[in-house]
Amino acid sequence: GAAATVATRRHPVLRGLLVATGTWTV
């Protein structure tokens, strides 16, 4: 999760999609 966060620090839309997917799955 930390690596994905760093990789999307300049891509807020992608960050939002990843957080949405993670939230749904947990």
PDB file of all heavy atoms in Angstrom:
ATOM      1  N   GLY A   1       0.809  -1.215   0.000  1.00  0.00           N
ATOM      2  CA  GLY A   1       0.000   0.000   0.000  1.00  0.00           C
ATOM      3  C   GLY A   1       0.837   1.258   0.000  1.00  0.00           C
ATOM      4  O   GLY A   1       0.506   2.248  -0.671  1.00  0.00           O
ATOM      5  N   ALA A   2       1.954   1.250   0.735  1.00  0.00           N
ATOM      6  CA  ALA A   2       2.846   2.415   0.770  1.00  0.00           C
ATOM      7  C   ALA A   2       3.465   2.664  -0.599  1.00  0.00           C
ATOM      8  O   ALA A   2       3.581   3.817  -1.053  1.00  0.00           O
ATOM      9  CB  ALA A   2       3.927   2.203   1.819  1.00  0.00           C
ATOM     10  N   ALA A   3       3.887   1.587  -1.290  1.00  0.00           N
ATOM     11  CA  ALA A   3       4.467   1.744  -2.618  1.00  0.00           C
ATOM     12  C   ALA A   3       3.444   2.324  -3.590  1.00  0.00           C
ATOM     13  O   ALA A   3       3.766   3.207  -4.404  1.00  0.00           O
ATOM     14  CB  ALA A   3       4.980   0.389  -3.118  1.00  0.00           C
ATOM     15  N   ALA A   4       2.200   1.835  -3.512  1.00  0.00           N
ATOM     16  CA  ALA A   4       1.153   2.371  -4.387  1.00  0.00           C
ATOM     17  C   ALA A   4       0.862   3.829  -4.069  1.00  0.00           C
ATOM     18  O   ALA A   4       0.593   4.641  -4.965  1.00  0.00           O
ATOM     19  CB  ALA A   4      -0.112   1.531  -4.240  1.00  0.00           C
ATOM     20  N   THR A   5       0.928   4.182  -2.787  1.00  0.00           N
ATOM     21  CA  THR A   5       0.698   5.570  -2.389  1.00  0.00           C
ATOM     22  C   THR A   5       1.772   6.486  -2.944  1.00  0.00           C
ATOM     23  O   THR A   5       1.489   7.573  -3.464  1.00  0.00           O
ATOM     24  CB  THR A   5       0.660   5.672  -0.853  1.00  0.00           C
ATOM     25  OG1 THR A   5      -0.425   4.876  -0.357  1.00  0.00           O
ATOM     26  CG2 THR A   5       0.473   7.112  -0.406  1.00  0.00           C
ATOM     27  N   VAL A   6       3.027   6.065  -2.844  1.00  0.00           N
ATOM     28  CA  VAL A   6       4.127   6.873  -3.381  1.00  0.00           C
ATOM     29  C   VAL A   6       4.013   6.989  -4.903  1.00  0.00           C
ATOM     30  O   VAL A   6       4.205   8.061  -5.484  1.00  0.00           O
ATOM     31  CB  VAL A   6       5.478   6.257  -2.984  1.00  0.00           C
ATOM     32  CG1 VAL A   6       6.628   6.962  -3.714  1.00  0.00           C
ATOM     33  CG2 VAL A   6       5.676   6.340  -1.476  1.00  0.00           C
ATOM     34  N   ALA A   7       3.663   5.894  -5.559  1.00  0.00           N
ATOM     35  CA  ALA A   7       3.593   5.899  -7.018  1.00  0.00           C
ATOM     36  C   ALA A   7       2.478   6.799  -7.543  1.00  0.00           C
ATOM     37  O   ALA A   7       2.555   7.283  -8.682  1.00  0.00           O
ATOM     38  CB  ALA A   7       3.391   4.470  -7.524  1.00  0.00           C
ATOM     39  N   THR A   8       1.448   7.031  -6.741  1.00  0.00           N
ATOM     40  CA  THR A   8       0.302   7.836  -7.199  1.00  0.00           C
ATOM     41  C   THR A   8       0.253   9.213  -6.541  1.00  0.00           C
ATOM     42  O   THR A   8      -0.791   9.862  -6.597  1.00  0.00           O
ATOM     43  CB  THR A   8      -1.012   7.089  -6.901  1.00  0.00           C
ATOM     44  OG1 THR A   8      -1.115   6.821  -5.490  1.00  0.00           O
ATOM     45  CG2 THR A   8      -1.073   5.768  -7.657  1.00  0.00           C
ATOM     46  N   ARG A   9       1.363   9.650  -5.956  1.00  0.00           N
ATOM     47  CA  ARG A   9       1.318  10.931  -5.249  1.00  0.00           C
ATOM     48  C   ARG A   9       1.041  12.098  -6.187  1.00  0.00           C
ATOM     49  O   ARG A   9       0.561  13.153  -5.755  1.00  0.00           O
ATOM     50  CB  ARG A   9       2.616  11.164  -4.474  1.00  0.00           C
ATOM     51  CG  ARG A   9       3.855  11.303  -5.317  1.00  0.00           C
ATOM     52  CD  ARG A   9       5.101  11.396  -4.440  1.00  0.00           C
ATOM     53  NE  ARG A   9       6.323  11.585  -5.195  1.00  0.00           N
ATOM     54  CZ  ARG A   9       7.013  10.614  -5.768  1.00  0.00           C
ATOM     55  NH1 ARG A   9       6.583   9.363  -5.660  1.00  0.00           N
ATOM     56  NH2 ARG A   9       8.118  10.878  -6.455  1.00  0.00           N
ATOM     57  N   ARG A  10       1.360  11.957  -7.472  1.00  0.00           N
ATOM     58  CA  ARG A  10       1.083  13.027  -8.452  1.00  0.00           C
ATOM     59  C   ARG A  10      -0.069  12.659  -9.382  1.00  0.00           C
ATOM     60  O   ARG A  10      -0.262  13.304 -10.409  1.00  0.00           O
ATOM     61  CB  ARG A  10       2.342  13.333  -9.271  1.00  0.00           C
ATOM     62  CG  ARG A  10       3.505  13.833  -8.433  1.00  0.00           C
ATOM     63  CD  ARG A  10       4.702  14.205  -9.291  1.00  0.00           C
ATOM     64  NE  ARG A  10       5.840  14.601  -8.480  1.00  0.00           N
ATOM     65  CZ  ARG A  10       6.011  15.812  -7.954  1.00  0.00           C
ATOM     66  NH1 ARG A  10       5.091  16.752  -8.176  1.00  0.00           N
ATOM     67  NH2 ARG A  10       7.062  16.100  -7.227  1.00  0.00           N
ATOM     68  N   HIS A  11      -0.787  11.616  -9.037  1.00  0.00           N
ATOM     69  CA  HIS A  11      -1.903  11.149  -9.876  1.00  0.00           C
ATOM     70  C   HIS A  11      -3.126  10.934  -8.989  1.00  0.00           C
ATOM     71  O   HIS A  11      -3.472   9.798  -8.651  1.00  0.00           O
ATOM     72  CB  HIS A  11      -1.519   9.863 -10.599  1.00  0.00           C
ATOM     73  CG  HIS A  11      -0.272   9.974 -11.405  1.00  0.00           C
ATOM     74  ND1 HIS A  11      -0.221  10.573 -12.656  1.00  0.00           N
ATOM     75  CD2 HIS A  11       1.009   9.564 -11.130  1.00  0.00           C
ATOM     76  CE1 HIS A  11       1.004  10.527 -13.124  1.00  0.00           C
ATOM     77  NE2 HIS A  11       1.777   9.921 -12.219  1.00  0.00           N
ATOM     78  N   PRO A  12      -3.796  12.002  -8.594  1.00  0.00           N
ATOM     79  CA  PRO A  12      -4.902  11.877  -7.630  1.00  0.00           C
ATOM     80  C   PRO A  12      -6.056  11.008  -8.127  1.00  0.00           C
ATOM     81  O   PRO A  12      -6.706  10.337  -7.326  1.00  0.00           O
ATOM     82  CB  PRO A  12      -5.342  13.323  -7.394  1.00  0.00           C
ATOM     83  CG  PRO A  12      -4.790  14.102  -8.533  1.00  0.00           C
ATOM     84  CD  PRO A  12      -3.541  13.403  -8.947  1.00  0.00           C
ATOM     85  N   VAL A  13      -6.320  11.013  -9.430  1.00  0.00           N
ATOM     86  CA  VAL A  13      -7.419  10.181  -9.926  1.00  0.00           C
ATOM     87  C   VAL A  13      -7.093   8.704  -9.739  1.00  0.00           C
ATOM     88  O   VAL A  13      -7.931   7.918  -9.262  1.00  0.00           O
ATOM     89  CB  VAL A  13      -7.696  10.492 -11.414  1.00  0.00           C
ATOM     90  CG1 VAL A  13      -8.741   9.521 -11.964  1.00  0.00           C
ATOM     91  CG2 VAL A  13      -8.186  11.931 -11.577  1.00  0.00           C
ATOM     92  N   LEU A  14      -5.870   8.326 -10.093  1.00  0.00           N
ATOM     93  CA  LEU A  14      -5.455   6.942  -9.890  1.00  0.00           C
ATOM     94  C   LEU A  14      -5.436   6.591  -8.405  1.00  0.00           C
ATOM     95  O   LEU A  14      -5.822   5.486  -8.013  1.00  0.00           O
ATOM     96  CB  LEU A  14      -4.077   6.720 -10.512  1.00  0.00           C
ATOM     97  CG  LEU A  14      -3.525   5.290 -10.465  1.00  0.00           C
ATOM     98  CD1 LEU A  14      -4.487   4.319 -11.115  1.00  0.00           C
ATOM     99  CD2 LEU A  14      -2.151   5.228 -11.124  1.00  0.00           C
ATOM    100  N   ARG A  15      -4.992   7.550  -7.574  1.00  0.00           N
ATOM    101  CA  ARG A  15      -5.013   7.325  -6.126  1.00  0.00           C
ATOM    102  C   ARG A  15      -6.441   7.050  -5.649  1.00  0.00           C
ATOM    103  O   ARG A  15      -6.684   6.117  -4.870  1.00  0.00           O
ATOM    104  CB  ARG A  15      -4.441   8.544  -5.399  1.00  0.00           C
ATOM    105  CG  ARG A  15      -4.670   8.571  -3.891  1.00  0.00           C
ATOM    106  CD  ARG A  15      -3.729   7.665  -3.156  1.00  0.00           C
ATOM    107  NE  ARG A  15      -2.369   8.106  -3.309  1.00  0.00           N
ATOM    108  CZ  ARG A  15      -1.779   9.065  -2.594  1.00  0.00           C
ATOM    109  NH1 ARG A  15      -2.441   9.669  -1.634  1.00  0.00           N
ATOM    110  NH2 ARG A  15      -0.516   9.383  -2.803  1.00  0.00           N
ATOM    111  N   GLY A  16      -7.383   7.853  -6.111  1.00  0.00           N
ATOM    112  CA  GLY A  16      -8.770   7.652  -5.708  1.00  0.00           C
ATOM    113  C   GLY A  16      -9.302   6.293  -6.130  1.00  0.00           C
ATOM    114  O   GLY A  16     -10.024   5.634  -5.380  1.00  0.00           O
ATOM    115  N   LEU A  17      -8.942   5.855  -7.344  1.00  0.00           N
ATOM    116  CA  LEU A  17      -9.394   4.547  -7.816  1.00  0.00           C
ATOM    117  C   LEU A  17      -8.810   3.426  -6.962  1.00  0.00           C
ATOM    118  O   LEU A  17      -9.511   2.454  -6.629  1.00  0.00           O
ATOM    119  CB  LEU A  17      -8.998   4.357  -9.279  1.00  0.00           C
ATOM    120  CG  LEU A  17      -9.759   5.219 -10.303  1.00  0.00           C
ATOM    121  CD1 LEU A  17      -9.157   5.043 -11.688  1.00  0.00           C
ATOM    122  CD2 LEU A  17     -11.235   4.854 -10.307  1.00  0.00           C
ATOM    123  N   LEU A  18      -7.536   3.542  -6.607  1.00  0.00           N
ATOM    124  CA  LEU A  18      -6.919   2.508  -5.771  1.00  0.00           C
ATOM    125  C   LEU A  18      -7.547   2.462  -4.384  1.00  0.00           C
ATOM    126  O   LEU A  18      -7.805   1.382  -3.845  1.00  0.00           O
ATOM    127  CB  LEU A  18      -5.414   2.763  -5.662  1.00  0.00           C
ATOM    128  CG  LEU A  18      -4.578   2.428  -6.891  1.00  0.00           C
ATOM    129  CD1 LEU A  18      -3.118   2.808  -6.648  1.00  0.00           C
ATOM    130  CD2 LEU A  18      -4.689   0.949  -7.246  1.00  0.00           C
ATOM    131  N   VAL A  19      -7.781   3.626  -3.793  1.00  0.00           N
ATOM    132  CA  VAL A  19      -8.410   3.661  -2.464  1.00  0.00           C
ATOM    133  C   VAL A  19      -9.832   3.112  -2.530  1.00  0.00           C
ATOM    134  O   VAL A  19     -10.268   2.379  -1.630  1.00  0.00           O
ATOM    135  CB  VAL A  19      -8.396   5.099  -1.904  1.00  0.00           C
ATOM    136  CG1 VAL A  19      -9.210   5.182  -0.617  1.00  0.00           C
ATOM    137  CG2 VAL A  19      -6.971   5.549  -1.643  1.00  0.00           C
ATOM    138  N   ALA A  20     -10.553   3.437  -3.599  1.00  0.00           N
ATOM    139  CA  ALA A  20     -11.916   2.910  -3.751  1.00  0.00           C
ATOM    140  C   ALA A  20     -11.902   1.392  -3.854  1.00  0.00           C
ATOM    141  O   ALA A  20     -12.703   0.700  -3.198  1.00  0.00           O
ATOM    142  CB  ALA A  20     -12.574   3.517  -4.985  1.00  0.00           C
ATOM    143  N   THR A  21     -10.983   0.855  -4.658  1.00  0.00           N
ATOM    144  CA  THR A  21     -10.897  -0.595  -4.807  1.00  0.00           C
ATOM    145  C   THR A  21     -10.504  -1.256  -3.489  1.00  0.00           C
ATOM    146  O   THR A  21     -11.076  -2.277  -3.082  1.00  0.00           O
ATOM    147  CB  THR A  21      -9.883  -0.958  -5.897  1.00  0.00           C
ATOM    148  OG1 THR A  21     -10.268  -0.329  -7.125  1.00  0.00           O
ATOM    149  CG2 THR A  21      -9.813  -2.461  -6.098  1.00  0.00           C
ATOM    150  N   GLY A  22      -9.514  -0.662  -2.807  1.00  0.00           N
ATOM    151  CA  GLY A  22      -9.096  -1.213  -1.523  1.00  0.00           C
ATOM    152  C   GLY A  22     -10.202  -1.166  -0.489  1.00  0.00           C
ATOM    153  O   GLY A  22     -10.415  -2.129   0.262  1.00  0.00           O
ATOM    154  N   THR A  23     -10.943  -0.061  -0.453  1.00  0.00           N
ATOM    155  CA  THR A  23     -12.046   0.068   0.507  1.00  0.00           C
ATOM    156  C   THR A  23     -13.118  -0.974   0.240  1.00  0.00           C
ATOM    157  O   THR A  23     -13.634  -1.618   1.169  1.00  0.00           O
ATOM    158  CB  THR A  23     -12.641   1.484   0.437  1.00  0.00           C
ATOM    159  OG1 THR A  23     -11.610   2.449   0.691  1.00  0.00           O
ATOM    160  CG2 THR A  23     -13.746   1.664   1.463  1.00  0.00           C
ATOM    161  N   TRP A  24     -13.462  -1.144  -1.018  1.00  0.00           N
ATOM    162  CA  TRP A  24     -14.486  -2.132  -1.381  1.00  0.00           C
ATOM    163  C   TRP A  24     -14.088  -3.533  -0.942  1.00  0.00           C
ATOM    164  O   TRP A  24     -14.889  -4.275  -0.381  1.00  0.00           O
ATOM    165  CB  TRP A  24     -14.705  -2.089  -2.887  1.00  0.00           C
ATOM    166  CG  TRP A  24     -15.629  -3.154  -3.403  1.00  0.00           C
ATOM    167  CD1 TRP A  24     -16.747  -3.653  -2.790  1.00  0.00           C
ATOM    168  CD2 TRP A  24     -15.514  -3.863  -4.636  1.00  0.00           C
ATOM    169  NE1 TRP A  24     -17.342  -4.621  -3.569  1.00  0.00           N
ATOM    170  CE2 TRP A  24     -16.600  -4.779  -4.711  1.00  0.00           C
ATOM    171  CE3 TRP A  24     -14.608  -3.806  -5.692  1.00  0.00           C
ATOM    172  CZ2 TRP A  24     -16.781  -5.622  -5.803  1.00  0.00           C
ATOM    173  CZ3 TRP A  24     -14.805  -4.647  -6.782  1.00  0.00           C
ATOM    174  CH2 TRP A  24     -15.865  -5.540  -6.822  1.00  0.00           C
ATOM    175  N   THR A  25     -12.815  -3.884  -1.153  1.00  0.00           N
ATOM    176  CA  THR A  25     -12.404  -5.249  -0.858  1.00  0.00           C
ATOM    177  C   THR A  25     -12.270  -5.530   0.635  1.00  0.00           C
ATOM    178  O   THR A  25     -12.374  -6.686   1.056  1.00  0.00           O
ATOM    179  CB  THR A  25     -11.072  -5.586  -1.550  1.00  0.00           C
ATOM    180  OG1 THR A  25     -10.069  -4.661  -1.131  1.00  0.00           O
ATOM    181  CG2 THR A  25     -11.213  -5.522  -3.060  1.00  0.00           C
ATOM    182  N   VAL A  26     -12.033  -4.504   1.460  1.00  0.00           N
ATOM    183  CA  VAL A  26     -11.841  -4.765   2.891  1.00  0.00           C
ATOM    184  C   VAL A  26     -13.106  -4.570   3.708  1.00  0.00           C
ATOM    185  O   VAL A  26     -13.182  -5.041   4.850  1.00  0.00           O
ATOM    186  CB  VAL A  26     -10.710  -3.885   3.478  1.00  0.00           C
ATOM    187  CG1 VAL A  26      -9.419  -4.072   2.717  1.00  0.00           C
ATOM    188  CG2 VAL A  26     -11.090  -2.414   3.525  1.00  0.00           C
TER     189      VAL A  26
END
